[in-house]
Amino acid sequence: MREKLEQIRAKAIAEIEKSEGLSRLNDVRVAFLGKKGELTAVLKSMKDVKPEERPLVGQMVNETRAHIEGLLEETKARMEAAERELKLKKEVIDVTLPAKKNRVGHRHPNTIALEEVERIFIGMGYEVVEGPEVEYDYYNFEALNIPANHPAKDEQDTFYINDKIVLRTQTSPVQVRVMEQGKLPIRMIAPGRVFRSDEVDATHSPSFHQIEGLVIDKNITFADLKGTLAEFARELFGEDTKVKFRPHHFPFTEPSAEVDVSCFKCGGSGCRFCKGSGWIEILGCGMVHPRVLKMSGIDPEEYTGFAFGAGLERIALLKYEIDDMRLLYENDDRFLQQF
């Protein structure tokens, strides 16, 4: 028995010394000290040893186990220390290096301009209303006094899904949908994406954004429209901003006008920004056509109203002095970081 224990001890020492990693070392532990290990097998055979020899044999088994366990623990500690040292060398940190910058996103210039416009009109008691971008031809044209043969339909050449469904060319259909609900009075703006088959250049895009406003109530006059837009211009471009109304034609308003604001760069004296005129065009407007009111179920003898519409991109281009609309959509970090 002594000779067998010596053989087990020598074999265990040799296996431990040959171990090249913690995984292999654990295999050695199981092979000699596990439930089916060689040393455990010796303990199970104690029943075959003579009773008077069992204490001596038990002592030798325990000494062998203690020796093997001690060697295993010592080797394990040495291997763990070596692995830790190697890991520290590989994961060395140079505390003198600059830290990685945490880049946080921010609002797009279009979003900044839209939120500013919404803030102004909400402050005047308006609500913000949204509608579908894929719209019926009826809401996009006919209900706005633009029948099939109207020349304005050619000016707003759009993308047709079929003969009755289009990608909306303006957000005015949202106004029609609100008027049809019959809940008066109405004070609303309708911002959103619109589509027209325009060529892409510095001032045009097949997809852009509009902000259209509508007020319907009793005794609304053109004076209310002028006062509203004058206040809007002052809030958006500065207290000294003046407005100028030029007669124009829109099928859904009568009378109609285009609105200019005094150049906020030169104060109206004339500069490159306003092309020497002292004025900058920003939107179109007018009194809601009686026929539009009637088609939406509103009595034009009792109610009147005004409407206006501006391009969101145009407001952003003017407010932030951007000279090319394409910059808003090209995702150039050098441009966007300025905002």
C-alpha atoms as a PDB file:
ATOM      1  CA  MET A   1       0.000   0.000   0.000  1.00  0.00           C
ATOM      2  CA  ARG A   2       2.852   2.363   0.843  1.00  0.00           C
ATOM      3  CA  GLU A   3       4.421   1.715  -2.534  1.00  0.00           C
ATOM      4  CA  LYS A   4       1.116   2.409  -4.324  1.00  0.00           C
ATOM      5  CA  LEU A   5       0.659   5.717  -2.468  1.00  0.00           C
ATOM      6  CA  GLU A   6       4.207   6.752  -3.384  1.00  0.00           C
ATOM      7  CA  GLN A   7       3.454   6.016  -7.039  1.00  0.00           C
ATOM      8  CA  ILE A   8       0.256   8.128  -6.859  1.00  0.00           C
ATOM      9  CA  ARG A   9       2.147  10.985  -5.195  1.00  0.00           C
ATOM     10  CA  ALA A  10       4.941  10.941  -7.794  1.00  0.00           C
ATOM     11  CA  LYS A  11       2.485  10.739 -10.669  1.00  0.00           C
ATOM     12  CA  ALA A  12       0.425  13.658  -9.271  1.00  0.00           C
ATOM     13  CA  ILE A  13       3.558  15.809  -8.825  1.00  0.00           C
ATOM     14  CA  ALA A  14       4.621  15.105 -12.412  1.00  0.00           C
ATOM     15  CA  GLU A  15       1.150  15.964 -13.774  1.00  0.00           C
ATOM     16  CA  ILE A  16       0.994  19.183 -11.748  1.00  0.00           C
ATOM     17  CA  GLU A  17       4.406  20.301 -12.991  1.00  0.00           C
ATOM     18  CA  LYS A  18       3.377  19.614 -16.604  1.00  0.00           C
ATOM     19  CA  SER A  19       0.183  21.685 -16.272  1.00  0.00           C
ATOM     20  CA  GLU A  20       0.254  24.803 -18.449  1.00  0.00           C
ATOM     21  CA  GLY A  21      -2.926  26.487 -17.275  1.00  0.00           C
ATOM     22  CA  LEU A  22      -5.627  26.592 -14.621  1.00  0.00           C
ATOM     23  CA  SER A  23      -7.947  24.423 -16.699  1.00  0.00           C
ATOM     24  CA  ARG A  24      -5.367  21.631 -16.964  1.00  0.00           C
ATOM     25  CA  LEU A  25      -4.545  21.979 -13.251  1.00  0.00           C
ATOM     26  CA  ASN A  26      -8.204  21.443 -12.392  1.00  0.00           C
ATOM     27  CA  ASP A  27      -8.225  18.284 -14.516  1.00  0.00           C
ATOM     28  CA  VAL A  28      -5.294  16.965 -12.420  1.00  0.00           C
ATOM     29  CA  ARG A  29      -7.203  17.715  -9.209  1.00  0.00           C
ATOM     30  CA  VAL A  30     -10.211  15.760 -10.430  1.00  0.00           C
ATOM     31  CA  ALA A  31      -8.048  12.859 -11.658  1.00  0.00           C
ATOM     32  CA  PHE A  32      -6.431  12.329  -8.258  1.00  0.00           C
ATOM     33  CA  LEU A  33      -8.753  13.844  -5.635  1.00  0.00           C
ATOM     34  CA  GLY A  34     -12.192  13.669  -7.314  1.00  0.00           C
ATOM     35  CA  LYS A  35     -14.941  11.166  -6.518  1.00  0.00           C
ATOM     36  CA  LYS A  36     -13.486   8.757  -9.045  1.00  0.00           C
ATOM     37  CA  GLY A  37      -9.873   9.855  -8.505  1.00  0.00           C
ATOM     38  CA  GLU A  38      -6.935   7.534  -7.864  1.00  0.00           C
ATOM     39  CA  LEU A  39      -6.483   8.553  -4.212  1.00  0.00           C
ATOM     40  CA  THR A  40     -10.219   8.239  -3.555  1.00  0.00           C
ATOM     41  CA  ALA A  41     -10.091   4.706  -4.959  1.00  0.00           C
ATOM     42  CA  VAL A  42      -7.436   3.820  -2.350  1.00  0.00           C
ATOM     43  CA  LEU A  43      -9.686   5.101   0.439  1.00  0.00           C
ATOM     44  CA  LYS A  44     -12.558   2.961  -0.851  1.00  0.00           C
ATOM     45  CA  SER A  45     -10.316  -0.124  -0.717  1.00  0.00           C
ATOM     46  CA  MET A  46      -9.623   0.361   3.028  1.00  0.00           C
ATOM     47  CA  LYS A  47     -12.233  -2.306   3.773  1.00  0.00           C
ATOM     48  CA  ASP A  48      -9.808  -4.876   2.352  1.00  0.00           C
ATOM     49  CA  VAL A  49      -6.980  -3.803   4.722  1.00  0.00           C
ATOM     50  CA  LYS A  50      -6.477  -5.740   7.950  1.00  0.00           C
ATOM     51  CA  PRO A  51      -8.089  -3.939  10.918  1.00  0.00           C
ATOM     52  CA  GLU A  52      -4.795  -3.532  12.790  1.00  0.00           C
ATOM     53  CA  GLU A  53      -3.185  -1.870   9.700  1.00  0.00           C
ATOM     54  CA  ARG A  54      -6.002   0.553   8.893  1.00  0.00           C
ATOM     55  CA  PRO A  55      -4.822   3.450  11.156  1.00  0.00           C
ATOM     56  CA  LEU A  56      -1.369   3.420   9.584  1.00  0.00           C
ATOM     57  CA  VAL A  57      -2.700   3.151   6.021  1.00  0.00           C
ATOM     58  CA  GLY A  58      -5.252   5.934   6.711  1.00  0.00           C
ATOM     59  CA  GLN A  59      -2.497   8.195   7.986  1.00  0.00           C
ATOM     60  CA  MET A  60      -0.413   7.578   4.823  1.00  0.00           C
ATOM     61  CA  VAL A  61      -3.425   8.326   2.582  1.00  0.00           C
ATOM     62  CA  ASN A  62      -4.136  11.591   4.430  1.00  0.00           C
ATOM     63  CA  GLU A  63      -0.481  12.663   4.182  1.00  0.00           C
ATOM     64  CA  THR A  64      -0.480  11.956   0.431  1.00  0.00           C
ATOM     65  CA  ARG A  65      -3.728  13.887  -0.017  1.00  0.00           C
ATOM     66  CA  ALA A  66      -2.403  16.829   1.991  1.00  0.00           C
ATOM     67  CA  HIS A  67       0.807  16.908  -0.041  1.00  0.00           C
ATOM     68  CA  ILE A  68      -1.034  16.820  -3.367  1.00  0.00           C
ATOM     69  CA  GLU A  69      -3.567  19.473  -2.263  1.00  0.00           C
ATOM     70  CA  GLY A  70      -0.813  21.768  -1.025  1.00  0.00           C
ATOM     71  CA  LEU A  71       1.084  21.463  -4.293  1.00  0.00           C
ATOM     72  CA  LEU A  72      -2.108  22.120  -6.273  1.00  0.00           C
ATOM     73  CA  GLU A  73      -2.906  25.282  -4.296  1.00  0.00           C
ATOM     74  CA  GLU A  74       0.644  26.571  -4.576  1.00  0.00           C
ATOM     75  CA  THR A  75       0.716  25.980  -8.327  1.00  0.00           C
ATOM     76  CA  LYS A  76      -2.738  27.552  -8.753  1.00  0.00           C
ATOM     77  CA  ALA A  77      -1.681  30.708  -6.890  1.00  0.00           C
ATOM     78  CA  ARG A  78       1.463  30.990  -9.024  1.00  0.00           C
ATOM     79  CA  MET A  79      -0.522  30.567 -12.264  1.00  0.00           C
ATOM     80  CA  GLU A  80      -3.147  33.134 -11.224  1.00  0.00           C
ATOM     81  CA  ALA A  81      -0.456  35.655 -10.373  1.00  0.00           C
ATOM     82  CA  ALA A  82       1.236  35.103 -13.748  1.00  0.00           C
ATOM     83  CA  GLU A  83      -2.095  35.535 -15.606  1.00  0.00           C
ATOM     84  CA  ARG A  84      -2.886  38.699 -13.662  1.00  0.00           C
ATOM     85  CA  GLU A  85       0.530  40.147 -14.450  1.00  0.00           C
ATOM     86  CA  LEU A  86       0.108  39.381 -18.150  1.00  0.00           C
ATOM     87  CA  LYS A  87      -3.372  40.937 -18.168  1.00  0.00           C
ATOM     88  CA  LEU A  88      -2.106  44.098 -16.509  1.00  0.00           C
ATOM     89  CA  LYS A  89       0.600  44.429 -19.145  1.00  0.00           C
ATOM     90  CA  LYS A  90      -1.906  44.004 -21.967  1.00  0.00           C
ATOM     91  CA  GLU A  91      -4.482  46.380 -20.465  1.00  0.00           C
ATOM     92  CA  VAL A  92      -2.125  49.146 -19.485  1.00  0.00           C
ATOM     93  CA  ILE A  93      -3.800  52.572 -19.416  1.00  0.00           C
ATOM     94  CA  ASP A  94      -1.934  55.745 -20.242  1.00  0.00           C
ATOM     95  CA  VAL A  95      -3.593  58.258 -17.931  1.00  0.00           C
ATOM     96  CA  THR A  96      -1.925  61.118 -19.800  1.00  0.00           C
ATOM     97  CA  LEU A  97      -3.941  60.402 -22.978  1.00  0.00           C
ATOM     98  CA  PRO A  98      -6.930  62.713 -23.613  1.00  0.00           C
ATOM     99  CA  ALA A  99     -10.330  61.185 -22.784  1.00  0.00           C
ATOM    100  CA  LYS A 100     -12.754  60.194 -25.527  1.00  0.00           C
ATOM    101  CA  LYS A 101     -15.261  62.964 -26.119  1.00  0.00           C
ATOM    102  CA  ASN A 102     -18.890  62.114 -25.465  1.00  0.00           C
ATOM    103  CA  ARG A 103     -20.632  63.376 -28.603  1.00  0.00           C
ATOM    104  CA  VAL A 104     -24.229  64.290 -27.846  1.00  0.00           C
ATOM    105  CA  GLY A 105     -26.695  64.890 -30.655  1.00  0.00           C
ATOM    106  CA  HIS A 106     -28.680  68.094 -30.976  1.00  0.00           C
ATOM    107  CA  ARG A 107     -31.668  69.512 -32.842  1.00  0.00           C
ATOM    108  CA  HIS A 108     -31.585  69.970 -36.615  1.00  0.00           C
ATOM    109  CA  PRO A 109     -31.833  73.615 -37.835  1.00  0.00           C
ATOM    110  CA  ASN A 110     -35.245  72.788 -39.331  1.00  0.00           C
ATOM    111  CA  THR A 111     -36.421  71.534 -35.944  1.00  0.00           C
ATOM    112  CA  ILE A 112     -35.062  74.629 -34.181  1.00  0.00           C
ATOM    113  CA  ALA A 113     -36.901  76.912 -36.621  1.00  0.00           C
ATOM    114  CA  LEU A 114     -40.134  74.899 -36.365  1.00  0.00           C
ATOM    115  CA  GLU A 115     -40.121  74.943 -32.572  1.00  0.00           C
ATOM    116  CA  GLU A 116     -39.578  78.709 -32.639  1.00  0.00           C
ATOM    117  CA  VAL A 117     -42.544  79.217 -35.004  1.00  0.00           C
ATOM    118  CA  GLU A 118     -44.740  76.896 -32.913  1.00  0.00           C
ATOM    119  CA  ARG A 119     -43.767  78.777 -29.739  1.00  0.00           C
ATOM    120  CA  ILE A 120     -44.827  82.090 -31.292  1.00  0.00           C
ATOM    121  CA  PHE A 121     -48.229  80.899 -32.494  1.00  0.00           C
ATOM    122  CA  ILE A 122     -49.020  78.835 -29.406  1.00  0.00           C
ATOM    123  CA  GLY A 123     -48.343  82.027 -27.465  1.00  0.00           C
ATOM    124  CA  MET A 124     -51.051  83.705 -29.580  1.00  0.00           C
ATOM    125  CA  GLY A 125     -53.585  80.971 -28.771  1.00  0.00           C
ATOM    126  CA  TYR A 126     -53.116  78.686 -31.783  1.00  0.00           C
ATOM    127  CA  GLU A 127     -53.031  74.902 -31.694  1.00  0.00           C
ATOM    128  CA  VAL A 128     -50.659  72.697 -33.711  1.00  0.00           C
ATOM    129  CA  VAL A 129     -52.456  70.152 -35.937  1.00  0.00           C
ATOM    130  CA  GLU A 130     -50.977  67.413 -38.122  1.00  0.00           C
ATOM    131  CA  GLY A 131     -52.452  65.443 -41.015  1.00  0.00           C
ATOM    132  CA  PRO A 132     -51.640  62.651 -43.500  1.00  0.00           C
ATOM    133  CA  GLU A 133     -48.818  63.116 -46.004  1.00  0.00           C
ATOM    134  CA  VAL A 134     -50.605  60.797 -48.473  1.00  0.00           C
ATOM    135  CA  GLU A 135     -53.780  62.706 -49.247  1.00  0.00           C
ATOM    136  CA  TYR A 136     -56.915  62.556 -51.375  1.00  0.00           C
ATOM    137  CA  ASP A 137     -56.934  64.764 -54.467  1.00  0.00           C
ATOM    138  CA  TYR A 138     -60.182  66.262 -53.141  1.00  0.00           C
ATOM    139  CA  TYR A 139     -58.575  67.646 -49.970  1.00  0.00           C
ATOM    140  CA  ASN A 140     -55.352  68.646 -51.662  1.00  0.00           C
ATOM    141  CA  PHE A 141     -56.990  70.488 -54.588  1.00  0.00           C
ATOM    142  CA  GLU A 142     -60.775  70.512 -55.018  1.00  0.00           C
ATOM    143  CA  ALA A 143     -61.719  71.523 -51.469  1.00  0.00           C
ATOM    144  CA  LEU A 144     -59.239  74.405 -51.819  1.00  0.00           C
ATOM    145  CA  ASN A 145     -61.002  75.778 -54.912  1.00  0.00           C
ATOM    146  CA  ILE A 146     -58.558  74.128 -57.332  1.00  0.00           C
ATOM    147  CA  PRO A 147     -60.660  71.998 -59.704  1.00  0.00           C
ATOM    148  CA  ALA A 148     -59.181  69.560 -62.217  1.00  0.00           C
ATOM    149  CA  ASN A 149     -58.836  72.164 -64.995  1.00  0.00           C
ATOM    150  CA  HIS A 150     -57.389  74.926 -62.802  1.00  0.00           C
ATOM    151  CA  PRO A 151     -53.928  76.234 -63.891  1.00  0.00           C
ATOM    152  CA  ALA A 152     -52.729  76.222 -60.266  1.00  0.00           C
ATOM    153  CA  LYS A 153     -52.793  72.446 -60.419  1.00  0.00           C
ATOM    154  CA  ASP A 154     -50.030  72.557 -63.042  1.00  0.00           C
ATOM    155  CA  GLU A 155     -47.960  74.873 -60.852  1.00  0.00           C
ATOM    156  CA  GLN A 156     -48.165  72.329 -58.039  1.00  0.00           C
ATOM    157  CA  ASP A 157     -47.225  69.323 -60.156  1.00  0.00           C
ATOM    158  CA  THR A 158     -47.101  66.467 -57.655  1.00  0.00           C
ATOM    159  CA  PHE A 159     -46.627  62.745 -57.193  1.00  0.00           C
ATOM    160  CA  TYR A 160     -49.801  60.735 -57.854  1.00  0.00           C
ATOM    161  CA  ILE A 161     -50.458  57.354 -56.252  1.00  0.00           C
ATOM    162  CA  ASN A 162     -53.514  56.999 -58.483  1.00  0.00           C
ATOM    163  CA  ASP A 163     -56.033  59.436 -59.991  1.00  0.00           C
ATOM    164  CA  LYS A 164     -57.553  60.132 -56.556  1.00  0.00           C
ATOM    165  CA  ILE A 165     -54.582  59.917 -54.172  1.00  0.00           C
ATOM    166  CA  VAL A 166     -51.487  62.128 -54.139  1.00  0.00           C
ATOM    167  CA  LEU A 167     -48.526  62.995 -51.973  1.00  0.00           C
ATOM    168  CA  ARG A 168     -49.749  66.314 -50.600  1.00  0.00           C
ATOM    169  CA  THR A 169     -48.313  69.470 -52.165  1.00  0.00           C
ATOM    170  CA  GLN A 170     -49.176  71.652 -49.171  1.00  0.00           C
ATOM    171  CA  THR A 171     -50.457  71.282 -45.609  1.00  0.00           C
ATOM    172  CA  SER A 172     -53.699  73.141 -46.475  1.00  0.00           C
ATOM    173  CA  PRO A 173     -55.614  69.799 -46.589  1.00  0.00           C
ATOM    174  CA  VAL A 174     -55.165  69.665 -42.817  1.00  0.00           C
ATOM    175  CA  GLN A 175     -57.042  72.961 -42.584  1.00  0.00           C
ATOM    176  CA  VAL A 176     -59.911  71.575 -44.695  1.00  0.00           C
ATOM    177  CA  ARG A 177     -60.165  68.489 -42.484  1.00  0.00           C
ATOM    178  CA  VAL A 178     -60.335  70.689 -39.370  1.00  0.00           C
ATOM    179  CA  MET A 179     -62.982  72.962 -40.959  1.00  0.00           C
ATOM    180  CA  GLU A 180     -65.111  69.926 -41.869  1.00  0.00           C
ATOM    181  CA  GLN A 181     -65.286  68.981 -38.183  1.00  0.00           C
ATOM    182  CA  GLY A 182     -67.363  72.127 -37.651  1.00  0.00           C
ATOM    183  CA  LYS A 183     -65.814  73.061 -34.315  1.00  0.00           C
ATOM    184  CA  LEU A 184     -65.613  76.853 -34.439  1.00  0.00           C
ATOM    185  CA  PRO A 185     -63.784  79.129 -33.884  1.00  0.00           C
ATOM    186  CA  ILE A 186     -60.527  77.794 -35.367  1.00  0.00           C
ATOM    187  CA  ARG A 187     -57.012  79.001 -34.626  1.00  0.00           C
ATOM    188  CA  MET A 188     -54.424  76.517 -35.868  1.00  0.00           C
ATOM    189  CA  ILE A 189     -51.138  75.987 -37.636  1.00  0.00           C
ATOM    190  CA  ALA A 190     -50.359  72.860 -39.663  1.00  0.00           C
ATOM    191  CA  PRO A 191     -46.666  72.090 -40.061  1.00  0.00           C
ATOM    192  CA  GLY A 192     -45.506  69.091 -42.079  1.00  0.00           C
ATOM    193  CA  ARG A 193     -43.687  67.543 -45.019  1.00  0.00           C
ATOM    194  CA  VAL A 194     -44.975  68.212 -48.538  1.00  0.00           C
ATOM    195  CA  PHE A 195     -44.006  66.971 -52.001  1.00  0.00           C
ATOM    196  CA  ARG A 196     -43.693  68.541 -55.441  1.00  0.00           C
ATOM    197  CA  SER A 197     -41.841  67.305 -58.498  1.00  0.00           C
ATOM    198  CA  ASP A 198     -39.175  70.021 -58.418  1.00  0.00           C
ATOM    199  CA  GLU A 199     -35.563  69.642 -59.459  1.00  0.00           C
ATOM    200  CA  VAL A 200     -33.061  69.721 -56.612  1.00  0.00           C
ATOM    201  CA  ASP A 201     -31.098  72.981 -56.444  1.00  0.00           C
ATOM    202  CA  ALA A 202     -30.088  75.620 -53.897  1.00  0.00           C
ATOM    203  CA  THR A 203     -33.718  76.699 -53.297  1.00  0.00           C
ATOM    204  CA  HIS A 204     -35.859  73.717 -54.394  1.00  0.00           C
ATOM    205  CA  SER A 205     -36.399  70.114 -53.374  1.00  0.00           C
ATOM    206  CA  PRO A 206     -39.016  67.464 -54.246  1.00  0.00           C
ATOM    207  CA  SER A 207     -39.605  67.072 -50.509  1.00  0.00           C
ATOM    208  CA  PHE A 208     -39.700  70.000 -48.107  1.00  0.00           C
ATOM    209  CA  HIS A 209     -41.765  71.373 -45.192  1.00  0.00           C
ATOM    210  CA  GLN A 210     -44.513  73.961 -44.879  1.00  0.00           C
ATOM    211  CA  ILE A 211     -46.186  75.712 -41.980  1.00  0.00           C
ATOM    212  CA  GLU A 212     -49.710  76.854 -42.781  1.00  0.00           C
ATOM    213  CA  GLY A 213     -52.033  78.764 -40.475  1.00  0.00           C
ATOM    214  CA  LEU A 214     -55.802  79.224 -40.360  1.00  0.00           C
ATOM    215  CA  VAL A 215     -58.166  81.395 -38.337  1.00  0.00           C
ATOM    216  CA  ILE A 216     -61.967  81.134 -38.702  1.00  0.00           C
ATOM    217  CA  ASP A 217     -64.303  83.180 -36.522  1.00  0.00           C
ATOM    218  CA  LYS A 218     -66.957  85.875 -36.686  1.00  0.00           C
ATOM    219  CA  ASN A 219     -65.858  89.348 -37.831  1.00  0.00           C
ATOM    220  CA  ILE A 220     -62.319  88.349 -38.881  1.00  0.00           C
ATOM    221  CA  THR A 221     -60.848  90.963 -41.249  1.00  0.00           C
ATOM    222  CA  PHE A 222     -57.702  91.558 -43.269  1.00  0.00           C
ATOM    223  CA  ALA A 223     -56.567  93.840 -40.443  1.00  0.00           C
ATOM    224  CA  ASP A 224     -56.458  90.807 -38.129  1.00  0.00           C
ATOM    225  CA  LEU A 225     -54.302  89.007 -40.681  1.00  0.00           C
ATOM    226  CA  LYS A 226     -51.880  91.940 -40.987  1.00  0.00           C
ATOM    227  CA  GLY A 227     -51.591  92.351 -37.234  1.00  0.00           C
ATOM    228  CA  THR A 228     -51.001  88.628 -36.687  1.00  0.00           C
ATOM    229  CA  LEU A 229     -48.253  88.373 -39.314  1.00  0.00           C
ATOM    230  CA  ALA A 230     -46.610  91.620 -38.188  1.00  0.00           C
ATOM    231  CA  GLU A 231     -46.380  90.252 -34.638  1.00  0.00           C
ATOM    232  CA  PHE A 232     -45.075  86.927 -35.953  1.00  0.00           C
ATOM    233  CA  ALA A 233     -42.346  88.694 -37.961  1.00  0.00           C
ATOM    234  CA  ARG A 234     -41.251  90.779 -34.984  1.00  0.00           C
ATOM    235  CA  GLU A 235     -41.050  87.721 -32.744  1.00  0.00           C
ATOM    236  CA  LEU A 236     -39.120  85.709 -35.323  1.00  0.00           C
ATOM    237  CA  PHE A 237     -36.749  88.281 -36.829  1.00  0.00           C
ATOM    238  CA  GLY A 238     -36.555  91.061 -34.216  1.00  0.00           C
ATOM    239  CA  GLU A 239     -38.567  93.932 -32.731  1.00  0.00           C
ATOM    240  CA  ASP A 240     -37.633  96.398 -35.491  1.00  0.00           C
ATOM    241  CA  THR A 241     -38.910  94.156 -38.304  1.00  0.00           C
ATOM    242  CA  LYS A 242     -41.504  95.722 -40.608  1.00  0.00           C
ATOM    243  CA  VAL A 243     -43.870  93.902 -42.985  1.00  0.00           C
ATOM    244  CA  LYS A 244     -45.083  94.742 -46.485  1.00  0.00           C
ATOM    245  CA  PHE A 245     -48.091  93.158 -48.210  1.00  0.00           C
ATOM    246  CA  ARG A 246     -48.074  92.844 -52.029  1.00  0.00           C
ATOM    247  CA  PRO A 247     -51.258  91.868 -53.921  1.00  0.00           C
ATOM    248  CA  HIS A 248     -51.153  88.333 -55.277  1.00  0.00           C
ATOM    249  CA  HIS A 249     -53.496  85.528 -56.318  1.00  0.00           C
ATOM    250  CA  PHE A 250     -54.161  82.212 -54.598  1.00  0.00           C
ATOM    251  CA  PRO A 251     -57.210  80.066 -55.542  1.00  0.00           C
ATOM    252  CA  PHE A 252     -58.165  79.441 -51.915  1.00  0.00           C
ATOM    253  CA  THR A 253     -57.968  83.047 -50.613  1.00  0.00           C
ATOM    254  CA  GLU A 254     -59.518  86.329 -51.759  1.00  0.00           C
ATOM    255  CA  PRO A 255     -58.051  88.891 -51.444  1.00  0.00           C
ATOM    256  CA  SER A 256     -54.545  87.403 -51.373  1.00  0.00           C
ATOM    257  CA  ALA A 257     -51.085  88.799 -50.730  1.00  0.00           C
ATOM    258  CA  GLU A 258     -47.448  87.919 -50.468  1.00  0.00           C
ATOM    259  CA  VAL A 259     -45.635  89.192 -47.399  1.00  0.00           C
ATOM    260  CA  ASP A 260     -42.148  90.697 -47.247  1.00  0.00           C
ATOM    261  CA  VAL A 261     -40.214  91.551 -44.097  1.00  0.00           C
ATOM    262  CA  SER A 262     -37.629  94.302 -43.815  1.00  0.00           C
ATOM    263  CA  CYS A 263     -34.108  92.901 -44.102  1.00  0.00           C
ATOM    264  CA  PHE A 264     -32.844  92.071 -40.634  1.00  0.00           C
ATOM    265  CA  LYS A 265     -29.230  92.314 -41.836  1.00  0.00           C
ATOM    266  CA  CYS A 266     -29.252  95.888 -43.129  1.00  0.00           C
ATOM    267  CA  GLY A 267     -32.444  97.200 -41.518  1.00  0.00           C
ATOM    268  CA  GLY A 268     -33.970  97.848 -44.930  1.00  0.00           C
ATOM    269  CA  SER A 269     -31.203  99.996 -46.408  1.00  0.00           C
ATOM    270  CA  GLY A 270     -30.233  97.317 -48.964  1.00  0.00           C
ATOM    271  CA  CYS A 271     -27.471  94.706 -48.894  1.00  0.00           C
ATOM    272  CA  ARG A 272     -26.311  91.470 -50.541  1.00  0.00           C
ATOM    273  CA  PHE A 273     -28.591  89.430 -48.289  1.00  0.00           C
ATOM    274  CA  CYS A 274     -31.775  91.176 -49.545  1.00  0.00           C
ATOM    275  CA  LYS A 275     -30.333  91.729 -53.040  1.00  0.00           C
ATOM    276  CA  GLY A 276     -30.331  95.473 -52.488  1.00  0.00           C
ATOM    277  CA  SER A 277     -34.110  95.795 -52.104  1.00  0.00           C
ATOM    278  CA  GLY A 278     -34.267  96.091 -48.312  1.00  0.00           C
ATOM    279  CA  TRP A 279     -37.071  93.466 -48.242  1.00  0.00           C
ATOM    280  CA  ILE A 280     -37.226  89.659 -48.059  1.00  0.00           C
ATOM    281  CA  GLU A 281     -40.235  87.578 -49.105  1.00  0.00           C
ATOM    282  CA  ILE A 282     -41.286  85.055 -46.435  1.00  0.00           C
ATOM    283  CA  LEU A 283     -44.862  83.818 -47.021  1.00  0.00           C
ATOM    284  CA  GLY A 284     -48.209  84.024 -48.801  1.00  0.00           C
ATOM    285  CA  CYS A 285     -51.576  84.781 -47.198  1.00  0.00           C
ATOM    286  CA  GLY A 286     -55.127  86.008 -47.700  1.00  0.00           C
ATOM    287  CA  MET A 287     -58.729  85.896 -46.562  1.00  0.00           C
ATOM    288  CA  VAL A 288     -60.257  82.427 -46.907  1.00  0.00           C
ATOM    289  CA  HIS A 289     -62.308  82.235 -50.105  1.00  0.00           C
ATOM    290  CA  PRO A 290     -66.072  82.024 -49.380  1.00  0.00           C
ATOM    291  CA  ARG A 291     -66.314  79.002 -51.680  1.00  0.00           C
ATOM    292  CA  VAL A 292     -63.728  77.139 -49.569  1.00  0.00           C
ATOM    293  CA  LEU A 293     -65.720  77.894 -46.430  1.00  0.00           C
ATOM    294  CA  LYS A 294     -68.947  76.727 -48.057  1.00  0.00           C
ATOM    295  CA  MET A 295     -67.405  73.446 -49.317  1.00  0.00           C
ATOM    296  CA  SER A 296     -66.285  72.701 -45.746  1.00  0.00           C
ATOM    297  CA  GLY A 297     -69.752  73.333 -44.322  1.00  0.00           C
ATOM    298  CA  ILE A 298     -69.125  76.815 -42.890  1.00  0.00           C
ATOM    299  CA  ASP A 299     -71.533  79.678 -43.631  1.00  0.00           C
ATOM    300  CA  PRO A 300     -69.477  82.483 -45.264  1.00  0.00           C
ATOM    301  CA  GLU A 301     -72.220  84.979 -44.380  1.00  0.00           C
ATOM    302  CA  GLU A 302     -71.630  84.365 -40.673  1.00  0.00           C
ATOM    303  CA  TYR A 303     -67.939  83.433 -40.519  1.00  0.00           C
ATOM    304  CA  THR A 304     -64.804  84.775 -42.154  1.00  0.00           C
ATOM    305  CA  GLY A 305     -61.175  83.836 -41.775  1.00  0.00           C
ATOM    306  CA  PHE A 306     -57.638  84.170 -42.982  1.00  0.00           C
ATOM    307  CA  ALA A 307     -54.921  81.711 -43.941  1.00  0.00           C
ATOM    308  CA  PHE A 308     -51.176  81.911 -44.489  1.00  0.00           C
ATOM    309  CA  GLY A 309     -48.379  79.570 -45.465  1.00  0.00           C
ATOM    310  CA  ALA A 310     -44.581  79.652 -45.228  1.00  0.00           C
ATOM    311  CA  GLY A 311     -41.815  77.262 -46.142  1.00  0.00           C
ATOM    312  CA  LEU A 312     -40.029  75.986 -43.053  1.00  0.00           C
ATOM    313  CA  GLU A 313     -36.751  75.619 -44.953  1.00  0.00           C
ATOM    314  CA  ARG A 314     -37.013  79.235 -46.134  1.00  0.00           C
ATOM    315  CA  ILE A 315     -37.395  80.428 -42.558  1.00  0.00           C
ATOM    316  CA  ALA A 316     -34.376  78.358 -41.493  1.00  0.00           C
ATOM    317  CA  LEU A 317     -32.304  79.607 -44.451  1.00  0.00           C
ATOM    318  CA  LEU A 318     -33.121  83.221 -43.623  1.00  0.00           C
ATOM    319  CA  LYS A 319     -32.824  82.989 -39.860  1.00  0.00           C
ATOM    320  CA  TYR A 320     -29.449  81.218 -39.924  1.00  0.00           C
ATOM    321  CA  GLU A 321     -28.152  82.856 -43.132  1.00  0.00           C
ATOM    322  CA  ILE A 322     -27.758  79.578 -45.037  1.00  0.00           C
ATOM    323  CA  ASP A 323     -27.337  80.059 -48.779  1.00  0.00           C
ATOM    324  CA  ASP A 324     -28.084  76.518 -50.004  1.00  0.00           C
ATOM    325  CA  MET A 325     -31.138  74.448 -49.030  1.00  0.00           C
ATOM    326  CA  ARG A 326     -29.307  71.208 -49.832  1.00  0.00           C
ATOM    327  CA  LEU A 327     -27.080  71.695 -46.785  1.00  0.00           C
ATOM    328  CA  LEU A 328     -30.089  70.940 -44.580  1.00  0.00           C
ATOM    329  CA  TYR A 329     -30.309  67.372 -45.911  1.00  0.00           C
ATOM    330  CA  GLU A 330     -26.755  66.289 -46.716  1.00  0.00           C
ATOM    331  CA  ASN A 331     -25.891  65.282 -43.107  1.00  0.00           C
ATOM    332  CA  ASP A 332     -22.530  67.028 -43.281  1.00  0.00           C
ATOM    333  CA  ASP A 333     -21.233  67.124 -39.708  1.00  0.00           C
ATOM    334  CA  ARG A 334     -19.220  70.267 -40.376  1.00  0.00           C
ATOM    335  CA  PHE A 335     -22.458  72.074 -41.174  1.00  0.00           C
ATOM    336  CA  LEU A 336     -24.749  70.543 -38.525  1.00  0.00           C
ATOM    337  CA  GLN A 337     -22.308  71.080 -35.644  1.00  0.00           C
ATOM    338  CA  GLN A 338     -22.808  74.832 -36.000  1.00  0.00           C
ATOM    339  CA  PHE A 339     -26.286  74.463 -34.554  1.00  0.00           C
END
